[in-house]
Amino acid sequence: MTPTEKESLMIASSHFLCKEFPKNFDKWSEKKVNDYCQNNAWEPFQYYEGSEIYEHIDRLSDDFINFKKWKESEK
């Protein structure tokens, strides 16, 4: 995971969770990440599975990265 990917996931997590991913989340197991997502879900996502919440976080993170690449290509 590159620093940009990790940072993007941390920022994106704040859109779906009450507490964004901590700095060491990339060292966690998939189960621990999913449990964290489920236990810290923002109210509209409280009935989602942790893995579903993570999928939303991952998609938004990809959008952040693609937007950054697009902006850099305009220079």
PDB file of N, CA and C in Angstrom:
ATOM      1  N   MET A   1       0.864  -1.179   0.000  1.00  0.00           N
ATOM      2  CA  MET A   1       0.000   0.000   0.000  1.00  0.00           C
ATOM      3  C   MET A   1       0.905   1.234   0.000  1.00  0.00           C
ATOM      4  N   THR A   2       0.678   2.100  -0.958  1.00  0.00           N
ATOM      5  CA  THR A   2       1.483   3.320  -1.030  1.00  0.00           C
ATOM      6  C   THR A   2       0.975   4.333  -0.001  1.00  0.00           C
ATOM      7  N   PRO A   3       1.815   5.315   0.351  1.00  0.00           N
ATOM      8  CA  PRO A   3       1.345   6.344   1.294  1.00  0.00           C
ATOM      9  C   PRO A   3       0.068   7.038   0.819  1.00  0.00           C
ATOM     10  N   THR A   4      -0.026   7.290  -0.472  1.00  0.00           N
ATOM     11  CA  THR A   4      -1.223   7.942  -0.995  1.00  0.00           C
ATOM     12  C   THR A   4      -2.458   7.067  -0.806  1.00  0.00           C
ATOM     13  N   GLU A   5      -2.323   5.768  -1.054  1.00  0.00           N
ATOM     14  CA  GLU A   5      -3.456   4.852  -0.868  1.00  0.00           C
ATOM     15  C   GLU A   5      -3.875   4.806   0.597  1.00  0.00           C
ATOM     16  N   LYS A   6      -2.898   4.705   1.475  1.00  0.00           N
ATOM     17  CA  LYS A   6      -3.191   4.640   2.909  1.00  0.00           C
ATOM     18  C   LYS A   6      -3.875   5.929   3.375  1.00  0.00           C
ATOM     19  N   GLU A   7      -3.317   7.069   2.994  1.00  0.00           N
ATOM     20  CA  GLU A   7      -3.908   8.352   3.382  1.00  0.00           C
ATOM     21  C   GLU A   7      -5.311   8.511   2.822  1.00  0.00           C
ATOM     22  N   SER A   8      -5.502   8.089   1.586  1.00  0.00           N
ATOM     23  CA  SER A   8      -6.829   8.196   0.969  1.00  0.00           C
ATOM     24  C   SER A   8      -7.845   7.329   1.697  1.00  0.00           C
ATOM     25  N   LEU A   9      -7.437   6.129   2.085  1.00  0.00           N
ATOM     26  CA  LEU A   9      -8.336   5.255   2.841  1.00  0.00           C
ATOM     27  C   LEU A   9      -8.666   5.866   4.202  1.00  0.00           C
ATOM     28  N   MET A  10      -7.677   6.472   4.844  1.00  0.00           N
ATOM     29  CA  MET A  10      -7.932   7.100   6.142  1.00  0.00           C
ATOM     30  C   MET A  10      -8.924   8.258   5.999  1.00  0.00           C
ATOM     31  N   ILE A  11      -8.737   9.088   4.990  1.00  0.00           N
ATOM     32  CA  ILE A  11      -9.643  10.221   4.771  1.00  0.00           C
ATOM     33  C   ILE A  11     -11.037   9.716   4.399  1.00  0.00           C
ATOM     34  N   ALA A  12     -11.093   8.744   3.487  1.00  0.00           N
ATOM     35  CA  ALA A  12     -12.389   8.206   3.061  1.00  0.00           C
ATOM     36  C   ALA A  12     -13.124   7.559   4.227  1.00  0.00           C
ATOM     37  N   SER A  13     -12.384   6.937   5.136  1.00  0.00           N
ATOM     38  CA  SER A  13     -13.041   6.273   6.273  1.00  0.00           C
ATOM     39  C   SER A  13     -13.802   7.271   7.134  1.00  0.00           C
ATOM     40  N   SER A  14     -13.339   8.512   7.170  1.00  0.00           N
ATOM     41  CA  SER A  14     -14.026   9.518   7.993  1.00  0.00           C
ATOM     42  C   SER A  14     -15.390   9.896   7.426  1.00  0.00           C
ATOM     43  N   HIS A  15     -15.671   9.498   6.195  1.00  0.00           N
ATOM     44  CA  HIS A  15     -16.973   9.768   5.578  1.00  0.00           C
ATOM     45  C   HIS A  15     -18.010   8.703   5.918  1.00  0.00           C
ATOM     46  N   PHE A  16     -17.546   7.572   6.437  1.00  0.00           N
ATOM     47  CA  PHE A  16     -18.444   6.454   6.727  1.00  0.00           C
ATOM     48  C   PHE A  16     -18.378   5.984   8.182  1.00  0.00           C
ATOM     49  N   LEU A  17     -17.348   6.415   8.897  1.00  0.00           N
ATOM     50  CA  LEU A  17     -17.146   5.974  10.277  1.00  0.00           C
ATOM     51  C   LEU A  17     -17.155   7.163  11.232  1.00  0.00           C
ATOM     52  N   CYS A  18     -17.492   6.908  12.480  1.00  0.00           N
ATOM     53  CA  CYS A  18     -17.443   7.955  13.500  1.00  0.00           C
ATOM     54  C   CYS A  18     -16.001   8.306  13.856  1.00  0.00           C
ATOM     55  N   LYS A  19     -15.129   7.317  13.748  1.00  0.00           N
ATOM     56  CA  LYS A  19     -13.700   7.520  13.981  1.00  0.00           C
ATOM     57  C   LYS A  19     -12.954   6.979  12.777  1.00  0.00           C
ATOM     58  N   GLU A  20     -12.171   7.836  12.120  1.00  0.00           N
ATOM     59  CA  GLU A  20     -11.444   7.380  10.934  1.00  0.00           C
ATOM     60  C   GLU A  20     -10.429   6.306  11.311  1.00  0.00           C
ATOM     61  N   PHE A  21      -9.947   5.585  10.306  1.00  0.00           N
ATOM     62  CA  PHE A  21      -8.943   4.562  10.545  1.00  0.00           C
ATOM     63  C   PHE A  21      -7.726   5.177  11.237  1.00  0.00           C
ATOM     64  N   PRO A  22      -7.160   4.474  12.202  1.00  0.00           N
ATOM     65  CA  PRO A  22      -5.913   4.954  12.814  1.00  0.00           C
ATOM     66  C   PRO A  22      -4.733   4.719  11.864  1.00  0.00           C
ATOM     67  N   LYS A  23      -3.610   5.316  12.174  1.00  0.00           N
ATOM     68  CA  LYS A  23      -2.448   5.236  11.285  1.00  0.00           C
ATOM     69  C   LYS A  23      -1.935   3.819  11.063  1.00  0.00           C
ATOM     70  N   ASN A  24      -2.174   2.922  11.995  1.00  0.00           N
ATOM     71  CA  ASN A  24      -1.645   1.566  11.860  1.00  0.00           C
ATOM     72  C   ASN A  24      -2.652   0.563  11.274  1.00  0.00           C
ATOM     73  N   PHE A  25      -3.759   1.049  10.750  1.00  0.00           N
ATOM     74  CA  PHE A  25      -4.804   0.126  10.263  1.00  0.00           C
ATOM     75  C   PHE A  25      -4.308  -0.779   9.138  1.00  0.00           C
ATOM     76  N   ASP A  26      -3.326  -0.332   8.394  1.00  0.00           N
ATOM     77  CA  ASP A  26      -2.827  -1.125   7.265  1.00  0.00           C
ATOM     78  C   ASP A  26      -2.075  -2.377   7.725  1.00  0.00           C
ATOM     79  N   LYS A  27      -1.803  -2.483   8.996  1.00  0.00           N
ATOM     80  CA  LYS A  27      -1.137  -3.668   9.548  1.00  0.00           C
ATOM     81  C   LYS A  27      -2.160  -4.667  10.108  1.00  0.00           C
ATOM     82  N   TRP A  28      -3.416  -4.291  10.120  1.00  0.00           N
ATOM     83  CA  TRP A  28      -4.479  -5.130  10.669  1.00  0.00           C
ATOM     84  C   TRP A  28      -4.874  -6.235   9.702  1.00  0.00           C
ATOM     85  N   SER A  29      -5.473  -7.272  10.269  1.00  0.00           N
ATOM     86  CA  SER A  29      -6.065  -8.335   9.443  1.00  0.00           C
ATOM     87  C   SER A  29      -7.357  -7.801   8.816  1.00  0.00           C
ATOM     88  N   GLU A  30      -7.822  -8.478   7.794  1.00  0.00           N
ATOM     89  CA  GLU A  30      -9.077  -8.094   7.138  1.00  0.00           C
ATOM     90  C   GLU A  30     -10.230  -8.136   8.146  1.00  0.00           C
ATOM     91  N   LYS A  31     -10.230  -9.149   9.009  1.00  0.00           N
ATOM     92  CA  LYS A  31     -11.286  -9.269  10.010  1.00  0.00           C
ATOM     93  C   LYS A  31     -11.275  -8.084  10.967  1.00  0.00           C
ATOM     94  N   LYS A  32     -10.093  -7.663  11.388  1.00  0.00           N
ATOM     95  CA  LYS A  32     -10.005  -6.532  12.317  1.00  0.00           C
ATOM     96  C   LYS A  32     -10.484  -5.239  11.649  1.00  0.00           C
ATOM     97  N   VAL A  33     -10.136  -5.053  10.386  1.00  0.00           N
ATOM     98  CA  VAL A  33     -10.605  -3.871   9.646  1.00  0.00           C
ATOM     99  C   VAL A  33     -12.126  -3.894   9.543  1.00  0.00           C
ATOM    100  N   ASN A  34     -12.685  -5.040   9.177  1.00  0.00           N
ATOM    101  CA  ASN A  34     -14.142  -5.157   9.043  1.00  0.00           C
ATOM    102  C   ASN A  34     -14.840  -4.949  10.388  1.00  0.00           C
ATOM    103  N   ASP A  35     -14.274  -5.502  11.456  1.00  0.00           N
ATOM    104  CA  ASP A  35     -14.849  -5.293  12.795  1.00  0.00           C
ATOM    105  C   ASP A  35     -14.808  -3.819  13.183  1.00  0.00           C
ATOM    106  N   TYR A  36     -13.692  -3.154  12.872  1.00  0.00           N
ATOM    107  CA  TYR A  36     -13.561  -1.732  13.180  1.00  0.00           C
ATOM    108  C   TYR A  36     -14.626  -0.938  12.428  1.00  0.00           C
ATOM    109  N   CYS A  37     -14.818  -1.279  11.160  1.00  0.00           N
ATOM    110  CA  CYS A  37     -15.831  -0.587  10.348  1.00  0.00           C
ATOM    111  C   CYS A  37     -17.221  -0.773  10.955  1.00  0.00           C
ATOM    112  N   GLN A  38     -17.530  -1.987  11.327  1.00  0.00           N
ATOM    113  CA  GLN A  38     -18.861  -2.257  11.867  1.00  0.00           C
ATOM    114  C   GLN A  38     -19.056  -1.584  13.230  1.00  0.00           C
ATOM    115  N   ASN A  39     -18.032  -1.607  14.065  1.00  0.00           N
ATOM    116  CA  ASN A  39     -18.135  -1.038  15.414  1.00  0.00           C
ATOM    117  C   ASN A  39     -18.092   0.487  15.440  1.00  0.00           C
ATOM    118  N   ASN A  40     -17.603   1.101  14.368  1.00  0.00           N
ATOM    119  CA  ASN A  40     -17.482   2.558  14.319  1.00  0.00           C
ATOM    120  C   ASN A  40     -18.299   3.169  13.188  1.00  0.00           C
ATOM    121  N   ALA A  41     -19.281   2.429  12.704  1.00  0.00           N
ATOM    122  CA  ALA A  41     -20.098   2.898  11.576  1.00  0.00           C
ATOM    123  C   ALA A  41     -20.869   4.164  11.941  1.00  0.00           C
ATOM    124  N   TRP A  42     -20.862   5.109  11.008  1.00  0.00           N
ATOM    125  CA  TRP A  42     -21.689   6.304  11.131  1.00  0.00           C
ATOM    126  C   TRP A  42     -23.146   5.840  11.058  1.00  0.00           C
ATOM    127  N   GLU A  43     -24.037   6.516  11.731  1.00  0.00           N
ATOM    128  CA  GLU A  43     -25.426   6.064  11.899  1.00  0.00           C
ATOM    129  C   GLU A  43     -26.104   5.568  10.622  1.00  0.00           C
ATOM    130  N   PRO A  44     -26.005   6.258   9.491  1.00  0.00           N
ATOM    131  CA  PRO A  44     -26.678   5.736   8.294  1.00  0.00           C
ATOM    132  C   PRO A  44     -26.178   4.359   7.836  1.00  0.00           C
ATOM    133  N   PHE A  45     -25.004   3.956   8.316  1.00  0.00           N
ATOM    134  CA  PHE A  45     -24.418   2.679   7.909  1.00  0.00           C
ATOM    135  C   PHE A  45     -24.390   1.662   9.046  1.00  0.00           C
ATOM    136  N   GLN A  46     -25.089   1.947  10.121  1.00  0.00           N
ATOM    137  CA  GLN A  46     -24.997   1.095  11.309  1.00  0.00           C
ATOM    138  C   GLN A  46     -25.494  -0.335  11.106  1.00  0.00           C
ATOM    139  N   TYR A  47     -26.320  -0.570  10.105  1.00  0.00           N
ATOM    140  CA  TYR A  47     -26.821  -1.921   9.872  1.00  0.00           C
ATOM    141  C   TYR A  47     -26.095  -2.635   8.726  1.00  0.00           C
ATOM    142  N   TYR A  48     -25.057  -2.012   8.204  1.00  0.00           N
ATOM    143  CA  TYR A  48     -24.261  -2.630   7.140  1.00  0.00           C
ATOM    144  C   TYR A  48     -23.227  -3.560   7.775  1.00  0.00           C
ATOM    145  N   GLU A  49     -22.838  -4.565   7.032  1.00  0.00           N
ATOM    146  CA  GLU A  49     -21.720  -5.408   7.447  1.00  0.00           C
ATOM    147  C   GLU A  49     -20.436  -4.581   7.335  1.00  0.00           C
ATOM    148  N   GLY A  50     -19.466  -4.920   8.153  1.00  0.00           N
ATOM    149  CA  GLY A  50     -18.190  -4.214   8.110  1.00  0.00           C
ATOM    150  C   GLY A  50     -17.550  -4.259   6.733  1.00  0.00           C
ATOM    151  N   SER A  51     -17.641  -5.402   6.077  1.00  0.00           N
ATOM    152  CA  SER A  51     -17.050  -5.545   4.743  1.00  0.00           C
ATOM    153  C   SER A  51     -17.742  -4.638   3.722  1.00  0.00           C
ATOM    154  N   GLU A  52     -19.047  -4.436   3.865  1.00  0.00           N
ATOM    155  CA  GLU A  52     -19.781  -3.539   2.960  1.00  0.00           C
ATOM    156  C   GLU A  52     -19.336  -2.091   3.173  1.00  0.00           C
ATOM    157  N   ILE A  53     -19.156  -1.720   4.425  1.00  0.00           N
ATOM    158  CA  ILE A  53     -18.696  -0.355   4.731  1.00  0.00           C
ATOM    159  C   ILE A  53     -17.303  -0.152   4.155  1.00  0.00           C
ATOM    160  N   TYR A  54     -16.445  -1.157   4.324  1.00  0.00           N
ATOM    161  CA  TYR A  54     -15.091  -1.042   3.778  1.00  0.00           C
ATOM    162  C   TYR A  54     -15.121  -0.885   2.260  1.00  0.00           C
ATOM    163  N   GLU A  55     -16.015  -1.567   1.576  1.00  0.00           N
ATOM    164  CA  GLU A  55     -16.132  -1.425   0.120  1.00  0.00           C
ATOM    165  C   GLU A  55     -16.444   0.020  -0.261  1.00  0.00           C
ATOM    166  N   HIS A  56     -17.337   0.661   0.484  1.00  0.00           N
ATOM    167  CA  HIS A  56     -17.651   2.078   0.226  1.00  0.00           C
ATOM    168  C   HIS A  56     -16.419   2.949   0.461  1.00  0.00           C
ATOM    169  N   ILE A  57     -15.718   2.679   1.541  1.00  0.00           N
ATOM    170  CA  ILE A  57     -14.501   3.438   1.858  1.00  0.00           C
ATOM    171  C   ILE A  57     -13.479   3.272   0.740  1.00  0.00           C
ATOM    172  N   ASP A  58     -13.297   2.051   0.291  1.00  0.00           N
ATOM    173  CA  ASP A  58     -12.318   1.756  -0.755  1.00  0.00           C
ATOM    174  C   ASP A  58     -12.673   2.457  -2.066  1.00  0.00           C
ATOM    175  N   ARG A  59     -13.948   2.450  -2.413  1.00  0.00           N
ATOM    176  CA  ARG A  59     -14.375   3.126  -3.657  1.00  0.00           C
ATOM    177  C   ARG A  59     -14.132   4.631  -3.585  1.00  0.00           C
ATOM    178  N   LEU A  60     -14.467   5.235  -2.457  1.00  0.00           N
ATOM    179  CA  LEU A  60     -14.239   6.677  -2.312  1.00  0.00           C
ATOM    180  C   LEU A  60     -12.747   6.985  -2.333  1.00  0.00           C
ATOM    181  N   SER A  61     -11.956   6.145  -1.714  1.00  0.00           N
ATOM    182  CA  SER A  61     -10.507   6.300  -1.733  1.00  0.00           C
ATOM    183  C   SER A  61      -9.978   6.261  -3.171  1.00  0.00           C
ATOM    184  N   ASP A  62     -10.467   5.317  -3.959  1.00  0.00           N
ATOM    185  CA  ASP A  62     -10.074   5.241  -5.374  1.00  0.00           C
ATOM    186  C   ASP A  62     -10.438   6.520  -6.109  1.00  0.00           C
ATOM    187  N   ASP A  63     -11.599   7.083  -5.811  1.00  0.00           N
ATOM    188  CA  ASP A  63     -12.010   8.340  -6.441  1.00  0.00           C
ATOM    189  C   ASP A  63     -11.047   9.473  -6.076  1.00  0.00           C
ATOM    190  N   PHE A  64     -10.631   9.521  -4.811  1.00  0.00           N
ATOM    191  CA  PHE A  64      -9.659  10.543  -4.388  1.00  0.00           C
ATOM    192  C   PHE A  64      -8.367  10.412  -5.193  1.00  0.00           C
ATOM    193  N   ILE A  65      -7.868   9.185  -5.309  1.00  0.00           N
ATOM    194  CA  ILE A  65      -6.608   8.948  -6.016  1.00  0.00           C
ATOM    195  C   ILE A  65      -6.744   9.287  -7.492  1.00  0.00           C
ATOM    196  N   ASN A  66      -7.845   8.866  -8.113  1.00  0.00           N
ATOM    197  CA  ASN A  66      -8.052   9.170  -9.527  1.00  0.00           C
ATOM    198  C   ASN A  66      -8.204  10.665  -9.768  1.00  0.00           C
ATOM    199  N   PHE A  67      -8.857  11.368  -8.863  1.00  0.00           N
ATOM    200  CA  PHE A  67      -8.990  12.812  -8.998  1.00  0.00           C
ATOM    201  C   PHE A  67      -7.622  13.477  -8.905  1.00  0.00           C
ATOM    202  N   LYS A  68      -6.818  13.021  -7.971  1.00  0.00           N
ATOM    203  CA  LYS A  68      -5.475  13.590  -7.822  1.00  0.00           C
ATOM    204  C   LYS A  68      -4.660  13.377  -9.091  1.00  0.00           C
ATOM    205  N   LYS A  69      -4.719  12.168  -9.666  1.00  0.00           N
ATOM    206  CA  LYS A  69      -3.999  11.880 -10.899  1.00  0.00           C
ATOM    207  C   LYS A  69      -4.501  12.768 -12.029  1.00  0.00           C
ATOM    208  N   TRP A  70      -5.798  12.951 -12.119  1.00  0.00           N
ATOM    209  CA  TRP A  70      -6.387  13.789 -13.159  1.00  0.00           C
ATOM    210  C   TRP A  70      -5.918  15.233 -13.020  1.00  0.00           C
ATOM    211  N   LYS A  71      -5.923  15.753 -11.787  1.00  0.00           N
ATOM    212  CA  LYS A  71      -5.477  17.140 -11.568  1.00  0.00           C
ATOM    213  C   LYS A  71      -3.993  17.296 -11.910  1.00  0.00           C
ATOM    214  N   GLU A  72      -3.205  16.291 -11.580  1.00  0.00           N
ATOM    215  CA  GLU A  72      -1.777  16.358 -11.893  1.00  0.00           C
ATOM    216  C   GLU A  72      -1.520  16.294 -13.396  1.00  0.00           C
ATOM    217  N   SER A  73      -2.376  15.594 -14.114  1.00  0.00           N
ATOM    218  CA  SER A  73      -2.198  15.485 -15.565  1.00  0.00           C
ATOM    219  C   SER A  73      -2.564  16.782 -16.284  1.00  0.00           C
ATOM    220  N   GLU A  74      -3.318  17.652 -15.612  1.00  0.00           N
ATOM    221  CA  GLU A  74      -3.696  18.932 -16.222  1.00  0.00           C
ATOM    222  C   GLU A  74      -2.568  19.940 -16.207  1.00  0.00           C
ATOM    223  N   LYS A  75      -1.565  19.703 -15.393  1.00  0.00           N
ATOM    224  CA  LYS A  75      -0.459  20.675 -15.252  1.00  0.00           C
ATOM    225  C   LYS A  75       0.411  20.728 -16.465  1.00  0.00           C
TER     226      LYS A  75
END
